[in-house]
Amino acid sequence: AKLDRLSRDVAFIANLMVQRVPFIVTELGADVDPFMLHIYAALAEKER
């Protein structure tokens, strides 16, 4: 439902991207690619 249900840690999100399994975050929509998920996680960590 939300990116933070995976993690609020950018390193953890980056590690998940290596798993080569697509992720969908409902609040971000179906078309957000893995690179953008990584960027969102990095921004969220810094903003918090």
ModelCIF file with pLDDT and N, C-alpha, C, O atoms, coordinates in Angstrom:
data_MODEL
#
_entry.id   MODEL 
#
_entity.id                         1 
_entity.type                       polymer 
_entity.pdbx_number_of_molecules   1 
#
_entity_poly.entity_id                      1 
_entity_poly.type                           'polypeptide(L)' 
_entity_poly.nstd_linkage                   no 
_entity_poly.nstd_monomer                   no 
_entity_poly.pdbx_seq_one_letter_code       AKLDRLSRDVAFIANLMVQRVPFIVTELGADVDPFMLHIYAALAEKER 
_entity_poly.pdbx_seq_one_letter_code_can   AKLDRLSRDVAFIANLMVQRVPFIVTELGADVDPFMLHIYAALAEKER 
_entity_poly.pdbx_strand_id                 A 
#
loop_
_entity_poly_seq.entity_id 
_entity_poly_seq.num 
_entity_poly_seq.mon_id 
_entity_poly_seq.hetero 
1 1  ALA n 
1 2  LYS n 
1 3  LEU n 
1 4  ASP n 
1 5  ARG n 
1 6  LEU n 
1 7  SER n 
1 8  ARG n 
1 9  ASP n 
1 10 VAL n 
1 11 ALA n 
1 12 PHE n 
1 13 ILE n 
1 14 ALA n 
1 15 ASN n 
1 16 LEU n 
1 17 MET n 
1 18 VAL n 
1 19 GLN n 
1 20 ARG n 
1 21 VAL n 
1 22 PRO n 
1 23 PHE n 
1 24 ILE n 
1 25 VAL n 
1 26 THR n 
1 27 GLU n 
1 28 LEU n 
1 29 GLY n 
1 30 ALA n 
1 31 ASP n 
1 32 VAL n 
1 33 ASP n 
1 34 PRO n 
1 35 PHE n 
1 36 MET n 
1 37 LEU n 
1 38 HIS n 
1 39 ILE n 
1 40 TYR n 
1 41 ALA n 
1 42 ALA n 
1 43 LEU n 
1 44 ALA n 
1 45 GLU n 
1 46 LYS n 
1 47 GLU n 
1 48 ARG n 
#
_struct_asym.id          A 
_struct_asym.entity_id   1 
#
loop_
_ma_qa_metric.id 
_ma_qa_metric.mode 
_ma_qa_metric.name 
_ma_qa_metric.software_group_id 
_ma_qa_metric.type 
1 global pLDDT . pLDDT 
2 local  pLDDT . pLDDT 
#
_ma_qa_metric_global.metric_id      1 
_ma_qa_metric_global.metric_value   75.54 
_ma_qa_metric_global.model_id       1 
_ma_qa_metric_global.ordinal_id     1 
#
loop_
_ma_qa_metric_local.label_asym_id 
_ma_qa_metric_local.label_comp_id 
_ma_qa_metric_local.label_seq_id 
_ma_qa_metric_local.metric_id 
_ma_qa_metric_local.metric_value 
_ma_qa_metric_local.model_id 
_ma_qa_metric_local.ordinal_id 
A ALA 1  2 92.00 1 1  
A LYS 2  2 87.00 1 2  
A LEU 3  2 84.00 1 3  
A ASP 4  2 81.00 1 4  
A ARG 5  2 86.00 1 5  
A LEU 6  2 82.00 1 6  
A SER 7  2 77.00 1 7  
A ARG 8  2 70.00 1 8  
A ASP 9  2 72.00 1 9  
A VAL 10 2 72.00 1 10 
A ALA 11 2 75.00 1 11 
A PHE 12 2 77.00 1 12 
A ILE 13 2 77.00 1 13 
A ALA 14 2 75.00 1 14 
A ASN 15 2 76.00 1 15 
A LEU 16 2 77.00 1 16 
A MET 17 2 74.00 1 17 
A VAL 18 2 76.00 1 18 
A GLN 19 2 76.00 1 19 
A ARG 20 2 79.00 1 20 
A VAL 21 2 86.00 1 21 
A PRO 22 2 88.00 1 22 
A PHE 23 2 88.00 1 23 
A ILE 24 2 90.00 1 24 
A VAL 25 2 90.00 1 25 
A THR 26 2 90.00 1 26 
A GLU 27 2 84.00 1 27 
A LEU 28 2 82.00 1 28 
A GLY 29 2 82.00 1 29 
A ALA 30 2 79.00 1 30 
A ASP 31 2 77.00 1 31 
A VAL 32 2 75.00 1 32 
A ASP 33 2 70.00 1 33 
A PRO 34 2 66.00 1 34 
A PHE 35 2 64.00 1 35 
A MET 36 2 70.00 1 36 
A LEU 37 2 69.00 1 37 
A HIS 38 2 62.00 1 38 
A ILE 39 2 69.00 1 39 
A TYR 40 2 69.00 1 40 
A ALA 41 2 67.00 1 41 
A ALA 42 2 64.00 1 42 
A LEU 43 2 65.00 1 43 
A ALA 44 2 63.00 1 44 
A GLU 45 2 64.00 1 45 
A LYS 46 2 64.00 1 46 
A GLU 47 2 63.00 1 47 
A ARG 48 2 61.00 1 48 
#
loop_
_atom_site.group_PDB 
_atom_site.id 
_atom_site.type_symbol 
_atom_site.label_atom_id 
_atom_site.label_alt_id 
_atom_site.label_comp_id 
_atom_site.label_asym_id 
_atom_site.label_entity_id 
_atom_site.label_seq_id 
_atom_site.pdbx_PDB_ins_code 
_atom_site.Cartn_x 
_atom_site.Cartn_y 
_atom_site.Cartn_z 
_atom_site.occupancy 
_atom_site.B_iso_or_equiv 
_atom_site.pdbx_formal_charge 
_atom_site.auth_seq_id 
_atom_site.auth_comp_id 
_atom_site.auth_asym_id 
_atom_site.auth_atom_id 
_atom_site.pdbx_PDB_model_num 
ATOM 1   N N  . ALA A 1 1  ? 0.824  -1.210  0.000   1.00 92.00 ? 1  ALA A N  1 
ATOM 2   C CA . ALA A 1 1  ? 0.000  0.000   0.000   1.00 92.00 ? 1  ALA A CA 1 
ATOM 3   C C  . ALA A 1 1  ? 0.861  1.264   0.000   1.00 92.00 ? 1  ALA A C  1 
ATOM 4   O O  . ALA A 1 1  ? 0.540  2.243   -0.673  1.00 92.00 ? 1  ALA A O  1 
ATOM 5   N N  . LYS A 1 2  ? 1.964  1.232   0.765   1.00 87.00 ? 2  LYS A N  1 
ATOM 6   C CA . LYS A 1 2  ? 2.847  2.392   0.885   1.00 87.00 ? 2  LYS A CA 1 
ATOM 7   C C  . LYS A 1 2  ? 4.287  1.914   0.820   1.00 87.00 ? 2  LYS A C  1 
ATOM 8   O O  . LYS A 1 2  ? 4.593  0.779   1.187   1.00 87.00 ? 2  LYS A O  1 
ATOM 9   N N  . LEU A 1 3  ? 5.166  2.785   0.352   1.00 84.00 ? 3  LEU A N  1 
ATOM 10  C CA . LEU A 1 3  ? 6.570  2.415   0.233   1.00 84.00 ? 3  LEU A CA 1 
ATOM 11  C C  . LEU A 1 3  ? 7.174  2.035   1.573   1.00 84.00 ? 3  LEU A C  1 
ATOM 12  O O  . LEU A 1 3  ? 8.026  1.148   1.635   1.00 84.00 ? 3  LEU A O  1 
ATOM 13  N N  . ASP A 1 4  ? 6.745  2.695   2.654   1.00 81.00 ? 4  ASP A N  1 
ATOM 14  C CA . ASP A 1 4  ? 7.346  2.393   3.956   1.00 81.00 ? 4  ASP A CA 1 
ATOM 15  C C  . ASP A 1 4  ? 6.914  1.042   4.507   1.00 81.00 ? 4  ASP A C  1 
ATOM 16  O O  . ASP A 1 4  ? 7.457  0.603   5.521   1.00 81.00 ? 4  ASP A O  1 
ATOM 17  N N  . ARG A 1 5  ? 5.944  0.358   3.868   1.00 86.00 ? 5  ARG A N  1 
ATOM 18  C CA . ARG A 1 5  ? 5.607  -1.003  4.276   1.00 86.00 ? 5  ARG A CA 1 
ATOM 19  C C  . ARG A 1 5  ? 6.691  -1.976  3.824   1.00 86.00 ? 5  ARG A C  1 
ATOM 20  O O  . ARG A 1 5  ? 6.826  -3.064  4.384   1.00 86.00 ? 5  ARG A O  1 
ATOM 21  N N  . LEU A 1 6  ? 7.463  -1.586  2.812   1.00 82.00 ? 6  LEU A N  1 
ATOM 22  C CA . LEU A 1 6  ? 8.659  -2.343  2.471   1.00 82.00 ? 6  LEU A CA 1 
ATOM 23  C C  . LEU A 1 6  ? 9.763  -1.951  3.443   1.00 82.00 ? 6  LEU A C  1 
ATOM 24  O O  . LEU A 1 6  ? 10.332 -2.796  4.135   1.00 82.00 ? 6  LEU A O  1 
ATOM 25  N N  . SER A 1 7  ? 10.053 -0.660  3.482   1.00 77.00 ? 7  SER A N  1 
ATOM 26  C CA . SER A 1 7  ? 11.060 -0.156  4.419   1.00 77.00 ? 7  SER A CA 1 
ATOM 27  C C  . SER A 1 7  ? 11.133 1.350   4.305   1.00 77.00 ? 7  SER A C  1 
ATOM 28  O O  . SER A 1 7  ? 10.705 1.926   3.305   1.00 77.00 ? 7  SER A O  1 
ATOM 29  N N  . ARG A 1 8  ? 11.684 1.998   5.345   1.00 70.00 ? 8  ARG A N  1 
ATOM 30  C CA . ARG A 1 8  ? 12.003 3.420   5.295   1.00 70.00 ? 8  ARG A CA 1 
ATOM 31  C C  . ARG A 1 8  ? 13.494 3.629   5.121   1.00 70.00 ? 8  ARG A C  1 
ATOM 32  O O  . ARG A 1 8  ? 13.993 4.746   5.258   1.00 70.00 ? 8  ARG A O  1 
ATOM 33  N N  . ASP A 1 9  ? 14.204 2.555   4.819   1.00 72.00 ? 9  ASP A N  1 
ATOM 34  C CA . ASP A 1 9  ? 15.661 2.602   4.700   1.00 72.00 ? 9  ASP A CA 1 
ATOM 35  C C  . ASP A 1 9  ? 16.045 2.456   3.233   1.00 72.00 ? 9  ASP A C  1 
ATOM 36  O O  . ASP A 1 9  ? 15.686 1.471   2.587   1.00 72.00 ? 9  ASP A O  1 
ATOM 37  N N  . VAL A 1 10 ? 16.769 3.428   2.713   1.00 72.00 ? 10 VAL A N  1 
ATOM 38  C CA . VAL A 1 10 ? 17.093 3.431   1.290   1.00 72.00 ? 10 VAL A CA 1 
ATOM 39  C C  . VAL A 1 10 ? 17.976 2.245   0.916   1.00 72.00 ? 10 VAL A C  1 
ATOM 40  O O  . VAL A 1 10 ? 17.844 1.697   -0.178  1.00 72.00 ? 10 VAL A O  1 
ATOM 41  N N  . ALA A 1 11 ? 18.877 1.843   1.815   1.00 75.00 ? 11 ALA A N  1 
ATOM 42  C CA . ALA A 1 11 ? 19.745 0.706   1.516   1.00 75.00 ? 11 ALA A CA 1 
ATOM 43  C C  . ALA A 1 11 ? 18.939 -0.578  1.397   1.00 75.00 ? 11 ALA A C  1 
ATOM 44  O O  . ALA A 1 11 ? 19.233 -1.427  0.555   1.00 75.00 ? 11 ALA A O  1 
ATOM 45  N N  . PHE A 1 12 ? 17.928 -0.718  2.236   1.00 77.00 ? 12 PHE A N  1 
ATOM 46  C CA . PHE A 1 12 ? 17.073 -1.899  2.182   1.00 77.00 ? 12 PHE A CA 1 
ATOM 47  C C  . PHE A 1 12 ? 16.308 -1.935  0.860   1.00 77.00 ? 12 PHE A C  1 
ATOM 48  O O  . PHE A 1 12 ? 16.223 -2.984  0.222   1.00 77.00 ? 12 PHE A O  1 
ATOM 49  N N  . ILE A 1 13 ? 15.750 -0.792  0.446   1.00 77.00 ? 13 ILE A N  1 
ATOM 50  C CA . ILE A 1 13 ? 15.020 -0.718  -0.819  1.00 77.00 ? 13 ILE A CA 1 
ATOM 51  C C  . ILE A 1 13 ? 15.941 -1.059  -1.982  1.00 77.00 ? 13 ILE A C  1 
ATOM 52  O O  . ILE A 1 13 ? 15.549 -1.771  -2.906  1.00 77.00 ? 13 ILE A O  1 
ATOM 53  N N  . ALA A 1 14 ? 17.166 -0.547  -1.930  1.00 75.00 ? 14 ALA A N  1 
ATOM 54  C CA . ALA A 1 14 ? 18.126 -0.843  -2.991  1.00 75.00 ? 14 ALA A CA 1 
ATOM 55  C C  . ALA A 1 14 ? 18.405 -2.337  -3.064  1.00 75.00 ? 14 ALA A C  1 
ATOM 56  O O  . ALA A 1 14 ? 18.524 -2.900  -4.152  1.00 75.00 ? 14 ALA A O  1 
ATOM 57  N N  . ASN A 1 15 ? 18.509 -2.982  -1.892  1.00 76.00 ? 15 ASN A N  1 
ATOM 58  C CA . ASN A 1 15 ? 18.741 -4.418  -1.859  1.00 76.00 ? 15 ASN A CA 1 
ATOM 59  C C  . ASN A 1 15 ? 17.565 -5.185  -2.462  1.00 76.00 ? 15 ASN A C  1 
ATOM 60  O O  . ASN A 1 15 ? 17.761 -6.197  -3.134  1.00 76.00 ? 15 ASN A O  1 
ATOM 61  N N  . LEU A 1 16 ? 16.349 -4.704  -2.225  1.00 77.00 ? 16 LEU A N  1 
ATOM 62  C CA . LEU A 1 16 ? 15.181 -5.359  -2.801  1.00 77.00 ? 16 LEU A CA 1 
ATOM 63  C C  . LEU A 1 16 ? 15.186 -5.259  -4.327  1.00 77.00 ? 16 LEU A C  1 
ATOM 64  O O  . LEU A 1 16 ? 14.745 -6.181  -5.013  1.00 77.00 ? 16 LEU A O  1 
ATOM 65  N N  . MET A 1 17 ? 15.682 -4.149  -4.854  1.00 74.00 ? 17 MET A N  1 
ATOM 66  C CA . MET A 1 17 ? 15.713 -3.997  -6.305  1.00 74.00 ? 17 MET A CA 1 
ATOM 67  C C  . MET A 1 17 ? 16.600 -5.048  -6.960  1.00 74.00 ? 17 MET A C  1 
ATOM 68  O O  . MET A 1 17 ? 16.376 -5.426  -8.110  1.00 74.00 ? 17 MET A O  1 
ATOM 69  N N  . VAL A 1 18 ? 17.615 -5.524  -6.223  1.00 76.00 ? 18 VAL A N  1 
ATOM 70  C CA . VAL A 1 18 ? 18.525 -6.542  -6.741  1.00 76.00 ? 18 VAL A CA 1 
ATOM 71  C C  . VAL A 1 18 ? 17.818 -7.884  -6.900  1.00 76.00 ? 18 VAL A C  1 
ATOM 72  O O  . VAL A 1 18 ? 18.268 -8.735  -7.669  1.00 76.00 ? 18 VAL A O  1 
ATOM 73  N N  . GLN A 1 19 ? 16.714 -8.078  -6.178  1.00 76.00 ? 19 GLN A N  1 
ATOM 74  C CA . GLN A 1 19 ? 15.995 -9.352  -6.226  1.00 76.00 ? 19 GLN A CA 1 
ATOM 75  C C  . GLN A 1 19 ? 15.323 -9.593  -7.576  1.00 76.00 ? 19 GLN A C  1 
ATOM 76  O O  . GLN A 1 19 ? 14.876 -10.705 -7.853  1.00 76.00 ? 19 GLN A O  1 
ATOM 77  N N  . ARG A 1 20 ? 15.250 -8.581  -8.400  1.00 79.00 ? 20 ARG A N  1 
ATOM 78  C CA . ARG A 1 20 ? 14.664 -8.682  -9.736  1.00 79.00 ? 20 ARG A CA 1 
ATOM 79  C C  . ARG A 1 20 ? 13.207 -9.157  -9.700  1.00 79.00 ? 20 ARG A C  1 
ATOM 80  O O  . ARG A 1 20 ? 12.756 -9.922  -10.552 1.00 79.00 ? 20 ARG A O  1 
ATOM 81  N N  . VAL A 1 21 ? 12.513 -8.686  -8.708  1.00 86.00 ? 21 VAL A N  1 
ATOM 82  C CA . VAL A 1 21 ? 11.063 -8.909  -8.612  1.00 86.00 ? 21 VAL A CA 1 
ATOM 83  C C  . VAL A 1 21 ? 10.407 -7.535  -8.677  1.00 86.00 ? 21 VAL A C  1 
ATOM 84  O O  . VAL A 1 21 ? 10.775 -6.645  -7.910  1.00 86.00 ? 21 VAL A O  1 
ATOM 85  N N  . PRO A 1 22 ? 9.460  -7.346  -9.561  1.00 88.00 ? 22 PRO A N  1 
ATOM 86  C CA . PRO A 1 22 ? 8.820  -6.021  -9.637  1.00 88.00 ? 22 PRO A CA 1 
ATOM 87  C C  . PRO A 1 22 ? 8.003  -5.718  -8.392  1.00 88.00 ? 22 PRO A C  1 
ATOM 88  O O  . PRO A 1 22 ? 7.380  -6.604  -7.807  1.00 88.00 ? 22 PRO A O  1 
ATOM 89  N N  . PHE A 1 23 ? 8.017  -4.454  -7.997  1.00 88.00 ? 23 PHE A N  1 
ATOM 90  C CA . PHE A 1 23 ? 7.236  -3.993  -6.855  1.00 88.00 ? 23 PHE A CA 1 
ATOM 91  C C  . PHE A 1 23 ? 6.242  -2.939  -7.332  1.00 88.00 ? 23 PHE A C  1 
ATOM 92  O O  . PHE A 1 23 ? 6.547  -2.118  -8.196  1.00 88.00 ? 23 PHE A O  1 
ATOM 93  N N  . ILE A 1 24 ? 5.052  -2.985  -6.749  1.00 90.00 ? 24 ILE A N  1 
ATOM 94  C CA . ILE A 1 24 ? 4.038  -1.973  -7.029  1.00 90.00 ? 24 ILE A CA 1 
ATOM 95  C C  . ILE A 1 24 ? 3.652  -1.325  -5.708  1.00 90.00 ? 24 ILE A C  1 
ATOM 96  O O  . ILE A 1 24 ? 3.334  -2.019  -4.742  1.00 90.00 ? 24 ILE A O  1 
ATOM 97  N N  . VAL A 1 25 ? 3.679  -0.001  -5.662  1.00 90.00 ? 25 VAL A N  1 
ATOM 98  C CA . VAL A 1 25 ? 3.239  0.758   -4.496  1.00 90.00 ? 25 VAL A CA 1 
ATOM 99  C C  . VAL A 1 25 ? 1.948  1.455   -4.908  1.00 90.00 ? 25 VAL A C  1 
ATOM 100 O O  . VAL A 1 25 ? 1.963  2.302   -5.801  1.00 90.00 ? 25 VAL A O  1 
ATOM 101 N N  . THR A 1 26 ? 0.841  1.112   -4.275  1.00 90.00 ? 26 THR A N  1 
ATOM 102 C CA . THR A 1 26 ? -0.455 1.594   -4.750  1.00 90.00 ? 26 THR A CA 1 
ATOM 103 C C  . THR A 1 26 ? -0.526 3.114   -4.793  1.00 90.00 ? 26 THR A C  1 
ATOM 104 O O  . THR A 1 26 ? -1.132 3.677   -5.706  1.00 90.00 ? 26 THR A O  1 
ATOM 105 N N  . GLU A 1 27 ? 0.092  3.797   -3.806  1.00 84.00 ? 27 GLU A N  1 
ATOM 106 C CA . GLU A 1 27 ? 0.004  5.253   -3.757  1.00 84.00 ? 27 GLU A CA 1 
ATOM 107 C C  . GLU A 1 27 ? 0.842  5.937   -4.822  1.00 84.00 ? 27 GLU A C  1 
ATOM 108 O O  . GLU A 1 27 ? 0.659  7.123   -5.098  1.00 84.00 ? 27 GLU A O  1 
ATOM 109 N N  . LEU A 1 28 ? 1.764  5.187   -5.422  1.00 82.00 ? 28 LEU A N  1 
ATOM 110 C CA . LEU A 1 28 ? 2.595  5.766   -6.469  1.00 82.00 ? 28 LEU A CA 1 
ATOM 111 C C  . LEU A 1 28 ? 2.112  5.401   -7.863  1.00 82.00 ? 28 LEU A C  1 
ATOM 112 O O  . LEU A 1 28 ? 2.504  6.028   -8.847  1.00 82.00 ? 28 LEU A O  1 
ATOM 113 N N  . GLY A 1 29 ? 1.255  4.380   -7.947  1.00 82.00 ? 29 GLY A N  1 
ATOM 114 C CA . GLY A 1 29 ? 0.735  3.976   -9.248  1.00 82.00 ? 29 GLY A CA 1 
ATOM 115 C C  . GLY A 1 29 ? 1.476  2.778   -9.810  1.00 82.00 ? 29 GLY A C  1 
ATOM 116 O O  . GLY A 1 29 ? 2.506  2.358   -9.283  1.00 82.00 ? 29 GLY A O  1 
ATOM 117 N N  . ALA A 1 30 ? 0.930  2.233   -10.895 1.00 79.00 ? 30 ALA A N  1 
ATOM 118 C CA . ALA A 1 30 ? 1.442  0.982   -11.460 1.00 79.00 ? 30 ALA A CA 1 
ATOM 119 C C  . ALA A 1 30 ? 2.658  1.185   -12.356 1.00 79.00 ? 30 ALA A C  1 
ATOM 120 O O  . ALA A 1 30 ? 3.341  0.216   -12.687 1.00 79.00 ? 30 ALA A O  1 
ATOM 121 N N  . ASP A 1 31 ? 2.943  2.414   -12.754 1.00 77.00 ? 31 ASP A N  1 
ATOM 122 C CA . ASP A 1 31 ? 3.974  2.647   -13.771 1.00 77.00 ? 31 ASP A CA 1 
ATOM 123 C C  . ASP A 1 31 ? 5.302  3.146   -13.217 1.00 77.00 ? 31 ASP A C  1 
ATOM 124 O O  . ASP A 1 31 ? 6.189  3.519   -13.984 1.00 77.00 ? 31 ASP A O  1 
ATOM 125 N N  . VAL A 1 32 ? 5.450  3.158   -11.895 1.00 75.00 ? 32 VAL A N  1 
ATOM 126 C CA . VAL A 1 32 ? 6.708  3.632   -11.303 1.00 75.00 ? 32 VAL A CA 1 
ATOM 127 C C  . VAL A 1 32 ? 7.759  2.525   -11.401 1.00 75.00 ? 32 VAL A C  1 
ATOM 128 O O  . VAL A 1 32 ? 7.549  1.417   -10.907 1.00 75.00 ? 32 VAL A O  1 
ATOM 129 N N  . ASP A 1 33 ? 8.884  2.830   -12.037 1.00 70.00 ? 33 ASP A N  1 
ATOM 130 C CA . ASP A 1 33 ? 9.899  1.793   -12.235 1.00 70.00 ? 33 ASP A CA 1 
ATOM 131 C C  . ASP A 1 33 ? 10.806 1.675   -11.009 1.00 70.00 ? 33 ASP A C  1 
ATOM 132 O O  . ASP A 1 33 ? 10.779 2.540   -10.134 1.00 70.00 ? 33 ASP A O  1 
ATOM 133 N N  . PRO A 1 34 ? 11.615 0.601   -10.942 1.00 66.00 ? 34 PRO A N  1 
ATOM 134 C CA . PRO A 1 34 ? 12.483 0.381   -9.763  1.00 66.00 ? 34 PRO A CA 1 
ATOM 135 C C  . PRO A 1 34 ? 13.411 1.548   -9.465  1.00 66.00 ? 34 PRO A C  1 
ATOM 136 O O  . PRO A 1 34 ? 13.655 1.859   -8.299  1.00 66.00 ? 34 PRO A O  1 
ATOM 137 N N  . PHE A 1 35 ? 13.927 2.192   -10.490 1.00 64.00 ? 35 PHE A N  1 
ATOM 138 C CA . PHE A 1 35 ? 14.825 3.326   -10.264 1.00 64.00 ? 35 PHE A CA 1 
ATOM 139 C C  . PHE A 1 35 ? 14.116 4.433   -9.495  1.00 64.00 ? 35 PHE A C  1 
ATOM 140 O O  . PHE A 1 35 ? 14.690 5.019   -8.577  1.00 64.00 ? 35 PHE A O  1 
ATOM 141 N N  . MET A 1 36 ? 12.868 4.723   -9.865  1.00 70.00 ? 36 MET A N  1 
ATOM 142 C CA . MET A 1 36 ? 12.127 5.770   -9.189  1.00 70.00 ? 36 MET A CA 1 
ATOM 143 C C  . MET A 1 36 ? 11.791 5.378   -7.751  1.00 70.00 ? 36 MET A C  1 
ATOM 144 O O  . MET A 1 36 ? 11.779 6.232   -6.864  1.00 70.00 ? 36 MET A O  1 
ATOM 145 N N  . LEU A 1 37 ? 11.520 4.099   -7.515  1.00 69.00 ? 37 LEU A N  1 
ATOM 146 C CA . LEU A 1 37 ? 11.282 3.652   -6.139  1.00 69.00 ? 37 LEU A CA 1 
ATOM 147 C C  . LEU A 1 37 ? 12.512 3.924   -5.281  1.00 69.00 ? 37 LEU A C  1 
ATOM 148 O O  . LEU A 1 37 ? 12.400 4.341   -4.128  1.00 69.00 ? 37 LEU A O  1 
ATOM 149 N N  . HIS A 1 38 ? 13.676 3.684   -5.851  1.00 62.00 ? 38 HIS A N  1 
ATOM 150 C CA . HIS A 1 38 ? 14.927 3.945   -5.131  1.00 62.00 ? 38 HIS A CA 1 
ATOM 151 C C  . HIS A 1 38 ? 15.058 5.439   -4.830  1.00 62.00 ? 38 HIS A C  1 
ATOM 152 O O  . HIS A 1 38 ? 15.444 5.822   -3.726  1.00 62.00 ? 38 HIS A O  1 
ATOM 153 N N  . ILE A 1 39 ? 14.739 6.267   -5.803  1.00 69.00 ? 39 ILE A N  1 
ATOM 154 C CA . ILE A 1 39 ? 14.825 7.713   -5.613  1.00 69.00 ? 39 ILE A CA 1 
ATOM 155 C C  . ILE A 1 39 ? 13.839 8.179   -4.542  1.00 69.00 ? 39 ILE A C  1 
ATOM 156 O O  . ILE A 1 39 ? 14.197 8.976   -3.675  1.00 69.00 ? 39 ILE A O  1 
ATOM 157 N N  . TYR A 1 40 ? 12.594 7.684   -4.597  1.00 69.00 ? 40 TYR A N  1 
ATOM 158 C CA . TYR A 1 40 ? 11.599 8.053   -3.596  1.00 69.00 ? 40 TYR A CA 1 
ATOM 159 C C  . TYR A 1 40 ? 12.066 7.674   -2.197  1.00 69.00 ? 40 TYR A C  1 
ATOM 160 O O  . TYR A 1 40 ? 11.892 8.439   -1.249  1.00 69.00 ? 40 TYR A O  1 
ATOM 161 N N  . ALA A 1 41 ? 12.664 6.483   -2.072  1.00 67.00 ? 41 ALA A N  1 
ATOM 162 C CA . ALA A 1 41 ? 13.139 6.036   -0.760  1.00 67.00 ? 41 ALA A CA 1 
ATOM 163 C C  . ALA A 1 41 ? 14.251 6.935   -0.247  1.00 67.00 ? 41 ALA A C  1 
ATOM 164 O O  . ALA A 1 41 ? 14.279 7.279   0.935   1.00 67.00 ? 41 ALA A O  1 
ATOM 165 N N  . ALA A 1 42 ? 15.176 7.321   -1.137  1.00 64.00 ? 42 ALA A N  1 
ATOM 166 C CA . ALA A 1 42 ? 16.282 8.191   -0.734  1.00 64.00 ? 42 ALA A CA 1 
ATOM 167 C C  . ALA A 1 42 ? 15.763 9.551   -0.293  1.00 64.00 ? 42 ALA A C  1 
ATOM 168 O O  . ALA A 1 42 ? 16.214 10.094  0.715   1.00 64.00 ? 42 ALA A O  1 
ATOM 169 N N  . LEU A 1 43 ? 14.823 10.099  -1.042  1.00 65.00 ? 43 LEU A N  1 
ATOM 170 C CA . LEU A 1 43 ? 14.243 11.395  -0.681  1.00 65.00 ? 43 LEU A CA 1 
ATOM 171 C C  . LEU A 1 43 ? 13.508 11.316  0.648   1.00 65.00 ? 43 LEU A C  1 
ATOM 172 O O  . LEU A 1 43 ? 13.638 12.202  1.493   1.00 65.00 ? 43 LEU A O  1 
ATOM 173 N N  . ALA A 1 44 ? 12.734 10.245  0.829   1.00 63.00 ? 44 ALA A N  1 
ATOM 174 C CA . ALA A 1 44 ? 11.965 10.103  2.064   1.00 63.00 ? 44 ALA A CA 1 
ATOM 175 C C  . ALA A 1 44 ? 12.881 10.017  3.279   1.00 63.00 ? 44 ALA A C  1 
ATOM 176 O O  . ALA A 1 44 ? 12.606 10.619  4.316   1.00 63.00 ? 44 ALA A O  1 
ATOM 177 N N  . GLU A 1 45 ? 13.977 9.262   3.145   1.00 64.00 ? 45 GLU A N  1 
ATOM 178 C CA . GLU A 1 45 ? 14.906 9.111   4.258   1.00 64.00 ? 45 GLU A CA 1 
ATOM 179 C C  . GLU A 1 45 ? 15.520 10.459  4.641   1.00 64.00 ? 45 GLU A C  1 
ATOM 180 O O  . GLU A 1 45 ? 15.615 10.789  5.823   1.00 64.00 ? 45 GLU A O  1 
ATOM 181 N N  . LYS A 1 46 ? 15.932 11.231  3.643   1.00 64.00 ? 46 LYS A N  1 
ATOM 182 C CA . LYS A 1 46 ? 16.544 12.533  3.899   1.00 64.00 ? 46 LYS A CA 1 
ATOM 183 C C  . LYS A 1 46 ? 15.529 13.527  4.456   1.00 64.00 ? 46 LYS A C  1 
ATOM 184 O O  . LYS A 1 46 ? 15.830 14.268  5.392   1.00 64.00 ? 46 LYS A O  1 
ATOM 185 N N  . GLU A 1 47 ? 14.324 13.541  3.877   1.00 63.00 ? 47 GLU A N  1 
ATOM 186 C CA . GLU A 1 47 ? 13.289 14.478  4.319   1.00 63.00 ? 47 GLU A CA 1 
ATOM 187 C C  . GLU A 1 47 ? 12.894 14.223  5.764   1.00 63.00 ? 47 GLU A C  1 
ATOM 188 O O  . GLU A 1 47 ? 12.724 15.164  6.539   1.00 63.00 ? 47 GLU A O  1 
ATOM 189 N N  . ARG A 1 48 ? 12.746 12.944  6.134   1.00 61.00 ? 48 ARG A N  1 
ATOM 190 C CA . ARG A 1 48 ? 12.358 12.618  7.514   1.00 61.00 ? 48 ARG A CA 1 
ATOM 191 C C  . ARG A 1 48 ? 13.407 13.115  8.492   1.00 61.00 ? 48 ARG A C  1 
ATOM 192 O O  . ARG A 1 48 ? 13.259 12.935  9.701   1.00 61.00 ? 48 ARG A O  1 
#
